[in-house]
Protein backbone atom coordinates (compact mmCIF):
# COMPACT_ATOMS: atom_id res chain seq x y z
CA UNK A 1 -35.64 -120.95 -9.55
CA UNK A 2 -32.23 -120.53 -11.32
CA UNK A 3 -31.76 -122.36 -14.18
CA UNK A 4 -28.19 -123.81 -15.86
CA UNK A 5 -27.99 -124.10 -19.35
CA UNK A 6 -25.73 -126.08 -21.89
CA UNK A 7 -26.20 -125.22 -25.17
CA UNK A 8 -24.68 -122.11 -26.67
CA UNK A 9 -28.38 -121.64 -28.79
CA UNK A 10 -30.15 -121.95 -25.94
CA UNK A 11 -28.27 -119.37 -23.87
CA UNK A 12 -28.41 -117.54 -27.21
CA UNK A 13 -32.09 -117.39 -26.75
CA UNK A 14 -32.45 -116.27 -23.37
CA UNK A 15 -29.98 -113.96 -22.83
CA UNK A 16 -31.92 -112.06 -25.93
CA UNK A 17 -35.23 -112.17 -23.68
CA UNK A 18 -33.08 -110.76 -20.85
CA UNK A 19 -31.75 -107.96 -22.43
CA UNK A 20 -35.56 -107.16 -23.82
CA UNK A 21 -37.08 -107.20 -20.88
CA UNK A 22 -37.75 -103.89 -20.89
CA UNK A 23 -39.45 -104.08 -24.23
CA UNK A 24 -42.54 -105.97 -23.36
CA UNK A 25 -46.09 -104.95 -24.29
CA UNK A 26 -47.16 -104.14 -20.23
CA UNK A 27 -44.43 -101.50 -20.41
CA UNK A 28 -44.75 -99.93 -23.96
CA UNK A 29 -48.60 -99.38 -22.52
CA UNK A 30 -47.15 -97.63 -19.29
CA UNK A 31 -46.10 -94.84 -21.78
CA UNK A 32 -49.79 -93.63 -22.44
CA UNK A 33 -49.67 -92.57 -18.59
CA UNK A 34 -46.09 -90.64 -18.54
CA UNK A 35 -47.69 -88.81 -21.47
CA UNK A 36 -50.67 -87.49 -19.47
CA UNK A 37 -48.35 -86.90 -16.17
CA UNK A 38 -45.60 -84.78 -18.43
CA UNK A 39 -48.55 -82.76 -20.77
CA UNK A 40 -50.32 -82.02 -16.95
CA UNK A 41 -47.56 -81.10 -15.21
CA UNK A 42 -46.30 -78.62 -18.16
CA UNK A 43 -49.59 -77.08 -18.28
CA UNK A 44 -50.71 -76.42 -14.52
CA UNK A 45 -47.29 -76.35 -12.66
CA UNK A 46 -47.11 -77.07 -8.73
CA UNK A 47 -50.27 -77.58 -8.69
CA UNK A 48 -50.18 -81.11 -10.64
CA UNK A 49 -46.93 -81.77 -8.58
CA UNK A 50 -48.84 -81.38 -5.42
CA UNK A 51 -51.73 -83.38 -6.83
CA UNK A 52 -49.49 -86.23 -8.03
CA UNK A 53 -47.44 -86.47 -5.37
CA UNK A 54 -50.56 -87.47 -3.44
CA UNK A 55 -52.04 -89.59 -6.16
CA UNK A 56 -48.62 -91.93 -6.78
CA UNK A 57 -46.95 -91.15 -3.11
CA UNK A 58 -49.45 -90.76 -0.84
CA UNK A 59 -48.13 -87.81 0.53
CA UNK A 60 -49.86 -84.09 0.90
CA UNK A 61 -47.71 -81.46 0.56
CA UNK A 62 -48.12 -77.71 -0.04
CA UNK A 63 -46.34 -75.84 -2.45
CA UNK A 64 -43.93 -73.50 0.38
CA UNK A 65 -43.20 -78.18 1.39
CA UNK A 66 -41.66 -79.05 -1.93
CA UNK A 67 -38.34 -77.75 -1.86
CA UNK A 68 -36.42 -79.43 1.41
CA UNK A 69 -35.43 -76.51 3.90
CA UNK A 70 -32.41 -75.54 5.62
CA UNK A 71 -32.95 -76.87 8.84
CA UNK A 72 -33.81 -80.42 7.33
CA UNK A 73 -30.53 -80.18 5.57
CA UNK A 74 -29.02 -79.57 8.91
CA UNK A 75 -30.99 -81.71 10.89
CA UNK A 76 -29.70 -84.70 8.79
CA UNK A 77 -26.10 -84.79 10.03
CA UNK A 78 -27.17 -85.49 13.40
CA UNK A 79 -29.71 -87.93 12.15
CA UNK A 80 -26.52 -90.30 10.71
CA UNK A 81 -23.65 -91.93 12.10
CA UNK A 82 -20.31 -90.74 12.07
CA UNK A 83 -19.07 -93.28 10.35
CA UNK A 84 -21.43 -93.04 8.08
CA UNK A 85 -20.69 -89.44 7.09
CA UNK A 86 -16.88 -90.57 6.56
CA UNK A 87 -17.48 -93.26 4.26
CA UNK A 88 -19.96 -90.69 2.15
CA UNK A 89 -16.55 -88.65 2.32
CA UNK A 90 -14.56 -91.02 1.44
CA UNK A 91 -16.46 -92.00 -1.57
CA UNK A 92 -17.36 -88.39 -2.59
CA UNK A 93 -13.25 -87.66 -2.89
CA UNK A 94 -12.67 -91.37 -4.51
CA UNK A 95 -15.32 -90.11 -7.29
CA UNK A 96 -14.18 -86.73 -7.49
CA UNK A 97 -10.53 -87.80 -7.99
CA UNK A 98 -11.38 -90.02 -10.95
CA UNK A 99 -13.91 -87.52 -12.73
CA UNK A 100 -11.18 -84.53 -12.51
CA UNK A 101 -9.06 -87.01 -14.93
CA UNK A 102 -11.98 -87.05 -17.77
CA UNK A 103 -12.73 -83.04 -17.89
CA UNK A 104 -12.18 -82.95 -21.98
CA UNK A 105 -9.72 -79.57 -22.72
CA UNK A 106 -10.65 -76.52 -25.02
CA UNK A 107 -7.97 -76.97 -27.60
CA UNK A 108 -7.16 -74.20 -30.40
CA UNK A 109 -4.71 -75.58 -33.57
CA UNK A 110 -3.29 -72.84 -35.97
CA UNK A 111 -2.77 -73.31 -39.87
CA UNK A 112 -1.44 -72.47 -42.38
CA UNK A 113 -2.87 -69.06 -43.84
CA UNK A 114 -3.89 -68.41 -40.33
CA UNK A 115 -6.70 -70.44 -40.41
CA UNK A 116 -7.74 -71.62 -37.11
CA UNK A 117 -9.92 -74.08 -35.65
CA UNK A 118 -10.61 -75.52 -32.72
CA UNK A 119 -13.37 -76.69 -29.80
CA UNK A 120 -14.63 -74.79 -26.55
CA UNK A 121 -16.23 -76.88 -23.59
CA UNK A 122 -18.64 -75.12 -22.00
CA UNK A 123 -20.74 -76.29 -18.46
CA UNK A 124 -24.98 -76.50 -19.33
CA UNK A 125 -26.53 -73.76 -17.02
CA UNK A 126 -28.52 -75.68 -15.32
CA UNK A 127 -28.67 -79.81 -14.40
CA UNK A 128 -31.17 -81.87 -12.63
CA UNK A 129 -30.29 -85.05 -10.49
CA UNK A 130 -32.70 -87.55 -10.29
CA UNK A 131 -32.72 -89.82 -7.09
CA UNK A 132 -34.99 -92.96 -6.34
CA UNK A 133 -36.45 -92.64 -2.77
CA UNK A 134 -39.27 -93.09 -1.06
CA UNK A 135 -39.02 -96.73 1.16
CA UNK A 136 -35.45 -96.88 0.18
CA UNK A 137 -32.18 -94.22 0.02
CA UNK A 138 -29.49 -94.20 -2.85
CA UNK A 139 -26.25 -91.83 -0.98
CA UNK A 140 -24.54 -93.58 -3.28
CA UNK A 141 -26.68 -92.46 -6.43
CA UNK A 142 -26.47 -88.57 -5.23
CA UNK A 143 -22.72 -88.78 -5.16
CA UNK A 144 -22.26 -90.29 -8.98
CA UNK A 145 -24.74 -87.75 -10.68
CA UNK A 146 -24.08 -84.85 -8.87
CA UNK A 147 -19.80 -85.06 -8.72
CA UNK A 148 -19.34 -85.40 -12.42
CA UNK A 149 -21.74 -82.06 -12.79
CA UNK A 150 -19.33 -80.15 -9.89
CA UNK A 151 -16.44 -81.15 -11.45
CA UNK A 152 -18.25 -79.72 -14.98
CA UNK A 153 -18.40 -76.35 -13.20
CA UNK A 154 -22.14 -76.35 -14.14
CA UNK A 155 -23.41 -73.21 -11.82
CA UNK A 156 -26.68 -74.54 -11.00
CA UNK A 157 -27.35 -78.26 -9.77
CA UNK A 158 -31.47 -79.31 -8.65
CA UNK A 159 -31.88 -82.73 -7.00
CA UNK A 160 -35.16 -84.60 -6.96
CA UNK A 161 -35.97 -87.39 -4.54
CA UNK A 162 -39.92 -88.78 -3.76
CA UNK A 163 -40.87 -88.47 -0.59
CA UNK A 164 -40.89 -90.99 2.31
CA UNK A 165 -43.29 -91.98 4.86
CA UNK A 166 -44.66 -88.34 6.26
CA UNK A 167 -43.25 -86.48 3.79
CA UNK A 168 -39.25 -87.25 4.78
CA UNK A 169 -35.97 -87.73 2.72
CA UNK A 170 -33.63 -90.37 3.87
CA UNK A 171 -30.82 -87.90 6.00
CA UNK A 172 -28.12 -89.94 3.90
CA UNK A 173 -29.54 -88.94 0.83
CA UNK A 174 -29.15 -85.24 2.27
CA UNK A 175 -25.79 -85.53 4.05
CA UNK A 176 -24.91 -86.93 0.18
CA UNK A 177 -26.57 -83.96 -1.32
CA UNK A 178 -24.58 -81.16 0.72
CA UNK A 179 -21.06 -82.95 0.53
CA UNK A 180 -21.70 -83.04 -2.96
CA UNK A 181 -22.40 -79.66 -3.40
CA UNK A 182 -26.03 -79.24 -3.86
CA UNK A 183 -28.39 -76.89 -1.69
CA UNK A 184 -31.86 -77.02 -3.66
CA UNK A 185 -33.70 -80.43 -3.21
CA UNK A 186 -37.33 -80.74 -3.61
CA UNK A 187 -38.91 -83.59 -2.73
CA UNK A 188 -40.50 -84.69 -5.90
CA UNK A 189 -40.33 -87.86 -7.74
CA UNK A 190 -41.72 -89.92 -10.68
CA UNK A 191 -42.79 -89.14 -14.25
CA UNK A 192 -43.95 -85.65 -12.38
CA UNK A 193 -40.45 -84.34 -11.15
CA UNK A 194 -38.94 -85.28 -14.78
CA UNK A 195 -41.43 -83.40 -16.07
CA UNK A 196 -40.52 -80.45 -13.85
CA UNK A 197 -37.33 -80.73 -14.21
CA UNK A 198 -37.71 -80.39 -18.10
CA UNK A 199 -40.28 -77.75 -18.23
CA UNK A 200 -40.03 -76.02 -15.18
CA UNK A 201 -43.12 -75.19 -12.69
CA UNK A 202 -43.34 -72.17 -10.56
CA UNK A 203 -41.10 -73.21 -7.87
CA UNK A 204 -38.79 -75.97 -9.77
CA UNK A 205 -36.15 -74.30 -12.03
CA UNK A 206 -36.68 -75.73 -15.65
CA UNK A 207 -32.52 -77.39 -16.65
CA UNK A 208 -30.72 -78.24 -19.29
CA UNK A 209 -29.63 -82.00 -18.84
CA UNK A 210 -31.56 -84.20 -16.91
CA UNK A 211 -29.55 -87.48 -15.27
CA UNK A 212 -30.20 -90.59 -12.95
CA UNK A 213 -32.29 -93.94 -12.73
CA UNK A 214 -35.47 -94.43 -11.85
CA UNK A 215 -38.42 -97.07 -12.37
CA UNK A 216 -40.08 -97.29 -15.62
CA UNK A 217 -41.80 -94.25 -15.34
CA UNK A 218 -39.06 -91.83 -14.86
CA UNK A 219 -36.96 -94.00 -17.71
CA UNK A 220 -40.14 -93.70 -19.82
CA UNK A 221 -40.57 -89.70 -18.91
CA UNK A 222 -36.62 -88.87 -19.77
CA UNK A 223 -37.27 -90.42 -23.29
CA UNK A 224 -39.93 -88.61 -24.15
CA UNK A 225 -38.68 -85.45 -22.88
CA UNK A 226 -35.31 -85.81 -24.13
CA UNK A 227 -34.96 -83.07 -27.04
CA UNK A 228 -36.51 -80.62 -24.56
CA UNK A 229 -33.31 -81.58 -22.33
CA UNK A 230 -30.77 -83.47 -23.15
CA UNK A 231 -30.42 -87.01 -20.74
CA UNK A 232 -27.99 -89.10 -19.56
CA UNK A 233 -29.32 -92.43 -20.54
CA UNK A 234 -32.32 -94.53 -20.65
CA UNK A 235 -31.38 -96.93 -18.16
CA UNK A 236 -32.79 -100.42 -17.33
CA UNK A 237 -33.26 -102.45 -14.83
CA UNK A 238 -29.96 -103.38 -13.27
CA UNK A 239 -27.50 -106.23 -14.79
CA UNK A 240 -24.41 -108.04 -13.62
CA UNK A 241 -22.75 -111.02 -16.20
CA UNK A 242 -19.75 -113.07 -14.50
CA UNK A 243 -17.08 -115.06 -16.33
CA UNK A 244 -15.76 -117.26 -14.21
CA UNK A 245 -13.56 -120.44 -14.42
CA UNK A 246 -12.55 -123.48 -12.11
CA UNK A 247 -10.53 -120.72 -9.38
CA UNK A 248 -13.92 -118.84 -8.81
CA UNK A 249 -15.11 -118.86 -5.14
CA UNK A 250 -19.32 -120.06 -5.77
CA UNK A 251 -19.78 -118.79 -2.40
CA UNK A 252 -18.30 -115.29 -4.02
CA UNK A 253 -19.98 -115.75 -7.30
CA UNK A 254 -23.32 -116.28 -5.68
CA UNK A 255 -23.15 -113.07 -3.51
CA UNK A 256 -22.53 -110.74 -6.47
CA UNK A 257 -25.59 -112.19 -8.37
CA UNK A 258 -27.77 -111.96 -5.62
CA UNK A 259 -26.03 -108.34 -4.44
CA UNK A 260 -27.53 -107.64 -8.66
CA UNK A 261 -31.12 -109.33 -7.69
CA UNK A 262 -31.81 -107.44 -4.65
CA UNK A 263 -31.73 -104.42 -6.59
CA UNK A 264 -35.27 -104.92 -8.23
CA UNK A 265 -37.69 -107.93 -9.26
CA UNK A 266 -36.52 -106.88 -12.74
CA UNK A 267 -32.48 -106.94 -12.36
CA UNK A 268 -30.55 -109.94 -14.19
CA UNK A 269 -27.83 -111.98 -12.81
CA UNK A 270 -26.19 -114.18 -15.30
CA UNK A 271 -23.44 -116.77 -14.54
CA UNK A 272 -21.19 -118.30 -17.52
CA UNK A 273 -18.92 -120.70 -16.94
CA UNK A 274 -16.15 -123.36 -18.11
CA UNK A 275 -16.52 -125.36 -15.02
CA UNK A 276 -20.16 -126.96 -14.65
CA UNK A 277 -18.89 -128.38 -10.85
CA UNK A 278 -18.45 -124.65 -10.22
CA UNK A 279 -22.01 -124.29 -12.16
CA UNK A 280 -23.63 -126.97 -9.70
CA UNK A 281 -21.95 -125.00 -6.18
CA UNK A 282 -23.12 -121.91 -7.47
CA UNK A 283 -26.92 -122.70 -7.75
CA UNK A 284 -26.51 -124.19 -4.17
CA UNK A 285 -25.23 -121.18 -2.38
CA UNK A 286 -27.51 -119.45 -4.38
CA UNK A 287 -30.62 -121.21 -2.80
CA UNK A 288 -28.35 -121.58 1.20
CA UNK A 289 -28.11 -117.06 0.90
CA UNK A 290 -31.32 -116.74 0.38
CA UNK A 291 -32.79 -118.22 3.19
CA UNK A 292 -32.45 -115.41 5.55
CA UNK A 293 -32.34 -113.13 2.65
CA UNK A 294 -34.03 -109.91 4.18
CA UNK A 295 -35.15 -109.08 0.85
CA UNK A 296 -35.83 -112.55 -0.15
CA UNK A 297 -39.42 -112.49 -2.20
CA UNK A 298 -38.26 -109.81 -4.09
CA UNK A 299 -34.54 -111.42 -4.92
CA UNK A 300 -36.10 -114.48 -5.55
CA UNK A 301 -38.44 -113.45 -8.01
CA UNK A 302 -35.09 -111.43 -9.91
CA UNK A 303 -33.58 -114.56 -9.83
CA UNK A 304 -36.58 -116.98 -11.04
CA UNK A 305 -37.43 -114.60 -14.14
CA UNK A 306 -34.23 -113.01 -14.69
CA UNK A 307 -31.53 -115.63 -13.40
CA UNK A 308 -29.31 -118.02 -15.51
CA UNK A 309 -26.07 -120.19 -15.53
CA UNK A 310 -24.15 -121.04 -18.81
CA UNK A 311 -21.90 -123.91 -18.70
CA UNK A 312 -19.68 -122.88 -22.09
CA UNK A 313 -16.96 -124.74 -23.33
CA UNK A 314 -14.47 -122.02 -23.47
CA UNK A 315 -13.44 -118.72 -22.27
CA UNK A 316 -13.94 -117.35 -25.50
CA UNK A 317 -17.31 -118.37 -26.22
CA UNK A 318 -18.34 -116.76 -22.62
CA UNK A 319 -16.28 -113.65 -24.46
CA UNK A 320 -18.45 -114.00 -27.17
CA UNK A 321 -21.66 -114.58 -25.60
CA UNK A 322 -20.86 -111.41 -23.07
CA UNK A 323 -20.47 -109.34 -26.05
CA UNK A 324 -23.69 -110.06 -27.49
CA UNK A 325 -25.60 -109.47 -24.20
CA UNK A 326 -23.09 -105.96 -23.24
CA UNK A 327 -24.23 -106.26 -19.60
CA UNK A 328 -23.73 -103.33 -17.86
CA UNK A 329 -21.29 -104.96 -15.47
CA UNK A 330 -19.37 -107.44 -15.96
CA UNK A 331 -16.83 -109.38 -13.44
CA UNK A 332 -14.12 -111.43 -14.87
CA UNK A 333 -13.76 -113.88 -11.94
CA UNK A 334 -10.73 -115.76 -13.74
CA UNK A 335 -7.50 -116.80 -13.22
CA UNK A 336 -6.17 -114.37 -15.56
CA UNK A 337 -8.59 -111.09 -16.18
CA UNK A 338 -6.12 -109.55 -18.19
CA UNK A 339 -5.80 -111.84 -20.78
CA UNK A 340 -9.62 -112.20 -20.92
CA UNK A 341 -10.04 -108.30 -21.19
CA UNK A 342 -8.80 -108.55 -24.73
CA UNK A 343 -11.52 -110.67 -25.77
CA UNK A 344 -14.10 -108.04 -24.23
CA UNK A 345 -15.30 -105.42 -26.38
CA UNK A 346 -19.05 -104.23 -24.70
CA UNK A 347 -19.77 -103.44 -21.19
CA UNK A 348 -20.32 -100.51 -18.89
CA UNK A 349 -17.95 -100.95 -16.52
CA UNK A 350 -15.47 -104.59 -16.15
CA UNK A 351 -14.62 -105.60 -12.97
CA UNK A 352 -11.29 -107.41 -12.96
CA UNK A 353 -10.28 -110.62 -10.57
CA UNK A 354 -12.08 -112.77 -7.62
CA UNK A 355 -11.47 -109.60 -5.21
CA UNK A 356 -13.12 -106.63 -7.04
CA UNK A 357 -17.42 -106.83 -6.16
CA UNK A 358 -19.23 -104.79 -8.82
CA UNK A 359 -19.83 -103.76 -5.13
CA UNK A 360 -16.89 -101.37 -4.85
CA UNK A 361 -17.79 -100.31 -8.01
CA UNK A 362 -21.89 -99.19 -6.54
CA UNK A 363 -19.57 -96.80 -3.84
CA UNK A 364 -16.61 -95.59 -3.99
CA UNK A 365 -14.51 -97.03 -6.34
CA UNK A 366 -14.45 -93.79 -8.40
CA UNK A 367 -15.88 -94.76 -11.79
CA UNK A 368 -19.22 -93.92 -12.18
CA UNK A 369 -22.18 -96.27 -11.14
CA UNK A 370 -24.66 -94.82 -13.70
CA UNK A 371 -23.80 -97.11 -16.97
CA UNK A 372 -25.55 -98.09 -20.19
CA UNK A 373 -27.91 -101.08 -19.96
CA UNK A 374 -30.17 -103.75 -21.78
CA UNK A 375 -27.37 -104.02 -24.46
CA UNK A 376 -26.92 -100.27 -24.63
CA UNK A 377 -23.42 -100.85 -23.90
CA UNK A 378 -22.71 -101.53 -27.43
CA UNK A 379 -22.48 -97.64 -28.50
CA UNK A 380 -22.88 -95.89 -25.15
CA UNK A 381 -20.79 -94.61 -22.21
CA UNK A 382 -21.10 -94.26 -18.07
CA UNK A 383 -22.32 -91.23 -17.36
CA UNK A 384 -19.08 -88.91 -16.52
CA UNK A 385 -18.14 -84.87 -16.70
CA UNK A 386 -18.76 -84.75 -20.50
CA UNK A 387 -22.22 -85.34 -19.96
CA UNK A 388 -22.74 -81.61 -18.40
CA UNK A 389 -20.20 -80.49 -21.35
CA UNK A 390 -21.25 -79.64 -24.84
CA UNK A 391 -18.41 -77.96 -27.01
CA UNK A 392 -18.54 -75.10 -29.51
CA UNK A 393 -16.19 -75.44 -32.88
CA UNK A 394 -13.78 -72.41 -33.35
CA UNK A 395 -13.20 -71.83 -36.73
CA UNK A 396 -11.21 -68.88 -38.20
CA UNK A 397 -9.93 -67.83 -42.24
CA UNK A 398 -7.78 -64.79 -43.09
CA UNK A 399 -8.33 -63.42 -45.99
CA UNK A 400 -5.73 -65.40 -47.86
CA UNK A 401 -6.94 -68.70 -46.34
CA UNK A 402 -10.56 -68.07 -47.84
CA UNK A 403 -9.23 -66.94 -51.34
CA UNK A 404 -7.63 -70.07 -51.35
CA UNK A 405 -10.63 -72.60 -50.95
CA UNK A 406 -13.11 -69.79 -53.00
CA UNK A 407 -13.52 -72.07 -55.53
CA UNK A 408 -14.20 -75.44 -53.93
CA UNK A 409 -17.18 -73.66 -51.66
CA UNK A 410 -18.32 -72.24 -54.40
CA UNK A 411 -18.74 -75.74 -56.50
CA UNK A 412 -20.44 -77.14 -52.98
CA UNK A 413 -22.67 -74.70 -52.78
CA UNK A 414 -23.90 -74.76 -56.18
CA UNK A 415 -23.97 -78.36 -56.65
CA UNK A 416 -26.44 -78.14 -53.51
CA UNK A 417 -28.91 -75.69 -54.94
CA UNK A 418 -27.85 -72.84 -53.01
CA UNK A 419 -26.81 -69.73 -54.38
CA UNK A 420 -26.56 -67.51 -51.41
CA UNK A 421 -24.32 -69.71 -49.45
CA UNK A 422 -21.62 -69.38 -52.95
CA UNK A 423 -22.27 -65.57 -53.18
CA UNK A 424 -21.27 -65.46 -49.55
CA UNK A 425 -17.42 -67.03 -50.00
CA UNK A 426 -17.57 -64.96 -53.35
CA UNK A 427 -18.89 -61.76 -52.89
CA UNK A 428 -15.46 -61.80 -49.91
CA UNK A 429 -13.06 -62.77 -52.14
CA UNK A 430 -13.98 -60.37 -55.07
CA UNK A 431 -13.74 -57.55 -52.06
CA UNK A 432 -10.34 -58.88 -51.00
CA UNK A 433 -9.27 -59.22 -54.80
CA UNK A 434 -10.40 -55.61 -55.54
CA UNK A 435 -8.28 -54.40 -52.69
CA UNK A 436 -5.26 -56.33 -53.79
CA UNK A 437 -5.92 -54.60 -57.14
């Protein structure tokens, strides 16, 4: 069950173990299976998609059933409540408003001697969005991945999601997709869906960027197709780290830990607190809230293997441990979260204060919930508009400007043993000088 640790050295060891949970031998061995799936889909196209959907999802499909029909899309609106549709629309607006503030701007700078430098941003031609499915439904994942692509003005967005019982896809997911502007949706999942997006099949178009979370097979597939296509990140199991002091409510802290644990049996829920009394209360509260939990078995497994409470001597120590772990989600449940924020260097998303549960960020605060995991927040950021954009450098030199740098460029080219590089400058500047004489 959930453990309480008081020794910093033991805490560091446990945090390192939790951070590295995606790198155990069993997961590495799955890579061979994923490689085979990728290569088979690349060779056989739709046939492989249908075979793997039968093998892994236990659903028998025809090639003409891979794409969700317009009739199914229309019917989805009749299968969900108006209240849910309105909630999806509210989330869409909040997410879109946030990401519109993040659009990089192309720019041009005019310097001396008519030198022009700049950056020109353009979207990818095609984006592929993976949405987990099967037995569960994640309309929030649809919105978080599709809306930044739309804001980036990607002209062609394709979505894939595994089929559930009777070949169906969650109506809430289909509504969210349409609200986000996606009409091209395929009922495929797993590594085979990533392969279809990366290589293309007779039915599924090849894309330039693949985003969205999935299970370990999806993550490994994204890792292996990177280079053929771009990806957002290698998202591991979800995680939350909560820093709390004596002002925190143990009921709320326990609920937030369980909210993370109920995602997946490999999800991590960690509390760092300066208050030993709070630690004991949270421990008891977690056990109490698990009693009638609808996802108790899965949630208990996550808490038992990757749940942790650490009692620390100061908030500074808590911040230091958090920075070493670099959590996907960081909650600052302390009296003055803004003061503590100054000590935070690495976190995917930071939730400030007792009235800001991580669930708000999951659904509709606006910032993206597709975040770096497993310590990647040390160098990576959330999915955003930039994920679907690339830039071209703009460079223009006048004859005068080229003449001024001619000697330096030629010297550098000669130092690297590249005579034609030097000649490409020398011939131009000589022509310019000849024209002047």
